[in-house]
Amino acid sequence: MLDPVIVNANVVQVKKDLDQLRSDFQLLHGPVDVLRYLVTHTWSAGEFNTWLSNATNYSNFQRILTSPEGAATIASSMTAMTAIANNAVAVRLAADNYLALQSWMSNAISVSALFNSDIALDVLLAREGAVNLLTSTYTSMMAAINSQTALNKIRANPGIFEQFTSSVAVPLASVPTMTSATTPSGVASASSFASESYAAYKVFSTSTGWRSAIGQKNDQWLAYEFSEPVFIAKVLISQNIYSTTADVIVGFRVESSRDGSNWDVLHTGNAPSNTTSPLSTTFNLSGVIAERRKHYRLYITGFASSGGNSVTLRQLNFRGFQ
């Protein structure tokens, strides 16, 4: 005969197990339905904000983000990501969840939505972890390079811009060491040059540098045409030591062009001194354009009047990403 006490204890345990199974099912089933709604619903302006303000929806959204599959599903939905990117609370929830953020930063759809939203960018760029993921992930770097909104936000913070331009997640671009005007690649040119020994390509090499034609000091420039369009964010300028035969540059503009004829100003600055160390300085451009171009040039706006009959520059390079 069965012991009633044991039977009763077993019944109680079975009920507990059933209650746990029911709870587990509801926890799983609820977010799945919510996830399906999130990625298929057509969100109108402000509608997602109202939806997330509901405590149950907020809790379900949090649970979805803790699931790698849930975060990845949202990341692949432009409908959901566009709505989320314009809600600071939702972006913060993802930014504080490393696995979710990692999933979003490596998905072209999600980063496109995030990097074209001022709201999302303000949240992400305020978090060191998000910035580190941005600058170490190929997909997010490419999205930032192609978004003027993102570039403007990144450039506004010198520390983040330095980290951004120092990224190795995207293939780097720079002028190669030139051995002629067209080798090994691209085209080096200048407004004028004194002789073949000071030709335009010399400024992109490790030799004598460039010197303008005798008597030509105003409206001088040095240009390089990349063989493929690139995104440039830095310029290296290296001065010659003091010379009485040629004046060193003082002021300059960095410009880019789609066609080599019409130029947009990316940066205006002052060159490093030619009498004190360091003679070389790398400048982060103050203006960056979300567009890869082939044509870049340094336009000289001022030079030291030391009695020289031309203008000189030791070395120049444009650096960025392919």
Protein backbone atom coordinates (compact mmCIF):
# COMPACT_ATOMS: atom_id res chain seq x y z
CA MET A 1 0.00 0.00 0.00
CA LEU A 2 1.34 3.47 -0.96
CA ASP A 3 2.28 5.82 1.82
CA PRO A 4 -0.13 8.81 1.61
CA VAL A 5 2.58 11.18 2.83
CA ILE A 6 4.96 10.15 0.04
CA VAL A 7 2.19 10.29 -2.56
CA ASN A 8 1.18 13.76 -1.44
CA ALA A 9 4.80 14.96 -1.56
CA ASN A 10 5.19 13.64 -5.09
CA VAL A 11 2.00 15.37 -6.21
CA VAL A 12 3.23 18.63 -4.74
CA GLN A 13 6.57 18.28 -6.55
CA VAL A 14 4.85 17.48 -9.85
CA LYS A 15 2.73 20.61 -9.49
CA LYS A 16 5.87 22.66 -8.81
CA ASP A 17 7.55 21.17 -11.87
CA LEU A 18 4.52 21.94 -14.03
CA ASP A 19 4.39 25.50 -12.70
CA GLN A 20 8.09 25.94 -13.55
CA LEU A 21 7.57 24.52 -17.04
CA ARG A 22 4.63 26.86 -17.57
CA SER A 23 6.71 29.82 -16.36
CA ASP A 24 9.64 28.88 -18.58
CA PHE A 25 7.34 28.55 -21.56
CA GLN A 26 5.78 31.93 -20.92
CA LEU A 27 9.20 33.57 -20.54
CA LEU A 28 10.26 32.06 -23.85
CA HIS A 29 6.98 32.41 -25.71
CA GLY A 30 6.34 36.02 -24.67
CA PRO A 31 9.63 37.47 -26.04
CA VAL A 32 9.34 35.39 -29.21
CA ASP A 33 5.99 36.97 -29.99
CA VAL A 34 7.39 40.39 -29.05
CA LEU A 35 10.46 39.83 -31.22
CA ARG A 36 8.29 38.86 -34.18
CA TYR A 37 6.24 42.02 -33.67
CA LEU A 38 9.34 44.19 -33.34
CA VAL A 39 10.89 43.12 -36.64
CA THR A 40 7.71 42.98 -38.75
CA HIS A 41 5.72 45.95 -37.51
CA THR A 42 5.86 49.20 -39.51
CA TRP A 43 6.69 51.75 -36.85
CA SER A 44 5.36 55.28 -37.25
CA ALA A 45 7.15 58.28 -35.76
CA GLY A 46 7.04 58.13 -31.98
CA GLU A 47 5.12 54.84 -31.89
CA PHE A 48 8.10 52.82 -30.65
CA ASN A 49 8.66 55.32 -27.82
CA THR A 50 5.11 54.72 -26.61
CA TRP A 51 5.47 50.96 -26.99
CA LEU A 52 8.71 50.80 -24.98
CA SER A 53 7.27 52.93 -22.18
CA ASN A 54 5.01 49.99 -21.31
CA ALA A 55 6.64 48.07 -18.43
CA THR A 56 5.89 44.63 -19.92
CA ASN A 57 7.25 45.60 -23.33
CA TYR A 58 10.35 47.11 -21.71
CA SER A 59 10.99 43.92 -19.76
CA ASN A 60 10.50 41.74 -22.84
CA PHE A 61 12.80 43.97 -24.88
CA GLN A 62 15.49 43.61 -22.22
CA ARG A 63 15.17 39.83 -22.26
CA ILE A 64 15.42 39.74 -26.04
CA LEU A 65 18.68 41.70 -25.92
CA THR A 66 20.21 39.16 -23.54
CA SER A 67 19.71 36.48 -26.18
CA PRO A 68 22.35 36.45 -28.95
CA GLU A 69 19.72 35.16 -31.38
CA GLY A 70 17.24 37.86 -30.36
CA ALA A 71 19.77 40.69 -30.65
CA ALA A 72 20.94 39.39 -34.04
CA THR A 73 17.36 39.15 -35.33
CA ILE A 74 16.67 42.76 -34.40
CA ALA A 75 19.98 43.86 -35.95
CA SER A 76 18.91 42.42 -39.30
CA SER A 77 15.63 44.34 -39.40
CA MET A 78 15.88 47.88 -40.75
CA THR A 79 12.29 48.50 -39.62
CA ALA A 80 13.11 47.66 -36.02
CA MET A 81 16.55 49.28 -35.99
CA THR A 82 15.30 52.58 -37.41
CA ALA A 83 12.72 52.80 -34.63
CA ILE A 84 15.22 51.76 -31.95
CA ALA A 85 17.95 54.12 -33.17
CA ASN A 86 15.70 57.09 -32.46
CA ASN A 87 14.97 56.03 -28.89
CA ALA A 88 17.75 56.80 -26.41
CA VAL A 89 16.42 54.35 -23.80
CA ALA A 90 16.47 51.44 -26.25
CA VAL A 91 19.97 52.29 -27.49
CA ARG A 92 21.23 52.55 -23.91
CA LEU A 93 19.83 49.10 -23.12
CA ALA A 94 21.76 47.65 -26.06
CA ALA A 95 24.90 49.71 -25.37
CA ASP A 96 25.01 48.37 -21.81
CA ASN A 97 24.70 44.78 -23.07
CA TYR A 98 28.04 43.86 -24.65
CA LEU A 99 26.76 40.83 -26.59
CA ALA A 100 23.87 42.80 -28.07
CA LEU A 101 26.10 45.76 -28.91
CA GLN A 102 28.69 43.48 -30.50
CA SER A 103 25.98 41.92 -32.65
CA TRP A 104 24.68 45.30 -33.73
CA MET A 105 28.12 46.76 -34.47
CA SER A 106 28.94 43.89 -36.82
CA ASN A 107 25.69 44.06 -38.82
CA ALA A 108 25.53 46.44 -41.79
CA ILE A 109 21.79 47.06 -41.36
CA SER A 110 21.94 47.95 -37.68
CA VAL A 111 25.00 50.22 -37.90
CA SER A 112 23.48 52.03 -40.87
CA ALA A 113 20.44 52.87 -38.75
CA LEU A 114 22.47 53.74 -35.65
CA PHE A 115 25.08 55.89 -37.41
CA ASN A 116 22.49 58.00 -39.18
CA SER A 117 20.74 58.89 -35.92
CA ASP A 118 21.98 61.75 -33.74
CA ILE A 119 20.18 60.18 -30.78
CA ALA A 120 21.90 56.81 -31.16
CA LEU A 121 25.32 58.36 -31.80
CA ASP A 122 25.10 60.54 -28.69
CA VAL A 123 24.46 57.43 -26.59
CA LEU A 124 27.09 55.24 -28.25
CA LEU A 125 29.92 57.78 -28.37
CA ALA A 126 29.48 58.48 -24.65
CA ARG A 127 30.40 54.85 -23.89
CA GLU A 128 33.99 53.66 -24.09
CA GLY A 129 32.93 50.10 -24.88
CA ALA A 130 30.83 51.23 -27.83
CA VAL A 131 33.65 53.41 -29.18
CA ASN A 132 36.10 50.51 -28.86
CA LEU A 133 33.74 48.23 -30.78
CA LEU A 134 33.17 50.89 -33.42
CA THR A 135 36.86 51.40 -34.09
CA SER A 136 37.75 47.70 -33.99
CA THR A 137 34.98 46.34 -36.22
CA TYR A 138 35.21 46.48 -40.01
CA THR A 139 31.45 46.80 -40.56
CA SER A 140 31.02 49.68 -38.12
CA MET A 141 34.09 51.51 -39.42
CA MET A 142 32.82 51.28 -42.99
CA ALA A 143 29.39 52.52 -41.92
CA ALA A 144 30.93 55.49 -40.07
CA ILE A 145 33.10 56.42 -43.05
CA ASN A 146 29.98 56.45 -45.23
CA SER A 147 27.84 58.48 -42.83
CA GLN A 148 28.30 62.24 -42.67
CA THR A 149 26.20 62.29 -39.50
CA ALA A 150 28.56 59.84 -37.81
CA LEU A 151 31.70 61.58 -39.07
CA ASN A 152 30.52 64.94 -37.76
CA LYS A 153 29.83 63.48 -34.31
CA ILE A 154 33.13 61.57 -34.22
CA ARG A 155 35.13 64.58 -35.42
CA ALA A 156 33.61 66.76 -32.71
CA ASN A 157 35.45 64.70 -30.07
CA PRO A 158 39.23 64.89 -30.64
CA GLY A 159 39.98 61.79 -28.56
CA ILE A 160 37.42 59.64 -30.37
CA PHE A 161 38.51 60.99 -33.75
CA GLU A 162 42.12 60.09 -33.00
CA GLN A 163 41.05 56.56 -32.06
CA PHE A 164 38.90 56.42 -35.19
CA THR A 165 41.67 57.54 -37.55
CA SER A 166 44.12 55.15 -35.88
CA SER A 167 41.88 52.13 -36.44
CA VAL A 168 43.35 49.10 -38.21
CA ALA A 169 39.97 47.44 -38.75
CA VAL A 170 39.81 48.86 -42.30
CA PRO A 171 42.65 48.64 -44.85
CA LEU A 172 44.78 51.77 -44.62
CA ALA A 173 45.44 54.20 -47.44
CA SER A 174 48.38 56.54 -47.95
CA VAL A 175 50.58 57.83 -50.74
CA PRO A 176 53.27 55.24 -51.52
CA THR A 177 56.93 56.20 -51.69
CA MET A 178 57.01 57.68 -55.18
CA THR A 179 59.93 57.07 -57.53
CA SER A 180 58.49 59.11 -60.39
CA ALA A 181 55.36 61.13 -61.04
CA THR A 182 53.40 57.93 -61.74
CA THR A 183 55.26 55.07 -60.05
CA PRO A 184 54.57 52.92 -58.21
CA SER A 185 50.94 54.12 -58.49
CA GLY A 186 48.82 57.23 -58.72
CA VAL A 187 49.88 60.60 -60.06
CA ALA A 188 51.90 63.28 -58.25
CA SER A 189 51.67 66.85 -59.54
CA ALA A 190 52.38 70.44 -58.53
CA SER A 191 51.66 73.97 -59.61
CA SER A 192 55.35 74.26 -60.54
CA PHE A 193 58.78 72.88 -59.64
CA ALA A 194 62.30 74.26 -59.84
CA SER A 195 63.89 71.29 -61.59
CA GLU A 196 63.60 67.53 -61.92
CA SER A 197 65.56 67.26 -58.68
CA TYR A 198 62.68 69.04 -56.92
CA ALA A 199 59.77 67.63 -58.92
CA ALA A 200 56.35 67.13 -57.35
CA TYR A 201 56.82 63.42 -56.68
CA LYS A 202 59.93 64.16 -54.58
CA VAL A 203 57.71 65.41 -51.75
CA PHE A 204 56.13 61.95 -51.62
CA SER A 205 59.52 60.24 -51.39
CA THR A 206 62.44 60.28 -48.99
CA SER A 207 64.75 62.40 -51.13
CA THR A 208 65.16 66.13 -51.62
CA GLY A 209 61.57 67.21 -51.32
CA TRP A 210 59.78 69.71 -53.56
CA ARG A 211 60.69 73.25 -54.51
CA SER A 212 58.54 75.56 -56.63
CA ALA A 213 59.82 77.18 -59.79
CA ILE A 214 62.09 80.18 -59.35
CA GLY A 215 60.00 83.26 -58.78
CA GLN A 216 56.84 81.24 -58.15
CA LYS A 217 55.74 81.58 -54.52
CA ASN A 218 52.07 82.49 -54.57
CA ASP A 219 49.19 80.10 -55.34
CA GLN A 220 51.39 77.03 -55.17
CA TRP A 221 50.05 73.53 -54.54
CA LEU A 222 51.02 69.88 -54.39
CA ALA A 223 48.57 67.17 -55.39
CA TYR A 224 48.23 63.43 -55.51
CA GLU A 225 45.69 61.39 -57.43
CA PHE A 226 45.12 57.94 -55.93
CA SER A 227 44.57 55.08 -58.34
CA GLU A 228 41.34 54.24 -56.46
CA PRO A 229 39.03 56.48 -54.40
CA VAL A 230 40.04 56.64 -50.72
CA PHE A 231 38.88 58.33 -47.52
CA ILE A 232 41.53 60.69 -46.12
CA ALA A 233 41.50 61.90 -42.51
CA LYS A 234 45.14 62.90 -41.83
CA VAL A 235 47.92 64.83 -43.52
CA LEU A 236 51.64 64.58 -42.75
CA ILE A 237 53.78 67.67 -43.32
CA SER A 238 57.56 67.68 -42.90
CA GLN A 239 59.55 70.89 -43.28
CA ASN A 240 63.00 71.44 -44.71
CA ILE A 241 65.52 73.01 -42.39
CA TYR A 242 66.08 76.76 -42.68
CA SER A 243 67.09 77.84 -46.16
CA THR A 244 67.98 81.21 -47.67
CA THR A 245 67.20 80.04 -51.22
CA ALA A 246 63.65 78.85 -50.64
CA ASP A 247 60.94 79.88 -48.20
CA VAL A 248 59.18 77.23 -46.12
CA ILE A 249 55.43 77.08 -46.04
CA VAL A 250 53.55 78.54 -43.08
CA GLY A 251 49.84 78.32 -43.90
CA PHE A 252 48.05 75.66 -45.90
CA ARG A 253 44.73 74.13 -46.90
CA VAL A 254 44.01 70.46 -47.50
CA GLU A 255 41.50 70.02 -50.30
CA SER A 256 39.78 67.14 -52.06
CA SER A 257 38.05 66.86 -55.41
CA ARG A 258 35.88 64.46 -57.37
CA ASP A 259 37.26 65.56 -60.72
CA GLY A 260 40.60 67.27 -60.04
CA SER A 261 39.15 70.67 -60.97
CA ASN A 262 36.61 71.64 -58.33
CA TRP A 263 38.01 71.50 -54.81
CA ASP A 264 36.45 71.25 -51.35
CA VAL A 265 38.40 72.47 -48.30
CA LEU A 266 38.91 69.77 -45.66
CA HIS A 267 41.34 71.56 -43.37
CA THR A 268 43.02 74.91 -42.86
CA GLY A 269 46.10 75.09 -40.69
CA ASN A 270 49.62 76.23 -39.98
CA ALA A 271 52.65 74.13 -40.88
CA PRO A 272 55.17 73.05 -38.23
CA SER A 273 58.19 75.26 -37.59
CA ASN A 274 61.30 74.56 -39.65
CA THR A 275 63.67 75.70 -36.90
CA THR A 276 62.52 73.69 -33.89
CA SER A 277 61.76 70.00 -33.39
CA PRO A 278 59.65 68.30 -34.54
CA LEU A 279 59.99 69.25 -38.18
CA SER A 280 57.22 66.76 -39.02
CA THR A 281 53.61 66.96 -37.84
CA THR A 282 50.58 64.81 -38.61
CA PHE A 283 47.34 66.76 -38.59
CA ASN A 284 43.85 65.31 -38.14
CA LEU A 285 41.67 67.03 -40.72
CA SER A 286 39.13 69.40 -39.20
CA GLY A 287 36.63 68.60 -41.93
CA VAL A 288 35.92 65.13 -43.29
CA ILE A 289 33.55 64.17 -46.08
CA ALA A 290 31.65 60.87 -46.11
CA GLU A 291 32.91 60.09 -49.58
CA ARG A 292 35.93 58.36 -51.04
CA ARG A 293 37.78 60.46 -53.59
CA LYS A 294 40.88 60.12 -55.75
CA HIS A 295 42.11 63.73 -55.78
CA TYR A 296 43.75 65.42 -52.78
CA ARG A 297 46.07 68.40 -52.59
CA LEU A 298 47.91 70.76 -50.25
CA TYR A 299 47.33 74.39 -51.21
CA ILE A 300 49.90 76.80 -49.78
CA THR A 301 48.33 79.92 -48.28
CA GLY A 302 51.39 81.46 -46.65
CA PHE A 303 55.17 81.16 -46.51
CA ALA A 304 58.04 82.51 -44.43
CA SER A 305 59.66 85.54 -46.06
CA SER A 306 63.30 84.67 -45.58
CA GLY A 307 64.52 86.07 -48.88
CA GLY A 308 64.10 82.89 -50.88
CA ASN A 309 63.07 82.89 -54.53
CA SER A 310 60.78 79.84 -54.28
CA VAL A 311 58.77 77.76 -51.78
CA THR A 312 59.85 74.38 -50.42
CA LEU A 313 58.45 71.39 -48.59
CA ARG A 314 60.37 68.30 -47.49
CA GLN A 315 57.64 65.68 -47.26
CA LEU A 316 53.88 65.32 -47.63
CA ASN A 317 51.46 62.44 -47.26
CA PHE A 318 47.70 61.96 -47.18
CA ARG A 319 46.50 59.13 -44.92
CA GLY A 320 43.22 57.42 -44.29
CA PHE A 321 41.32 54.31 -45.34
CA GLN A 322 40.70 52.41 -48.55
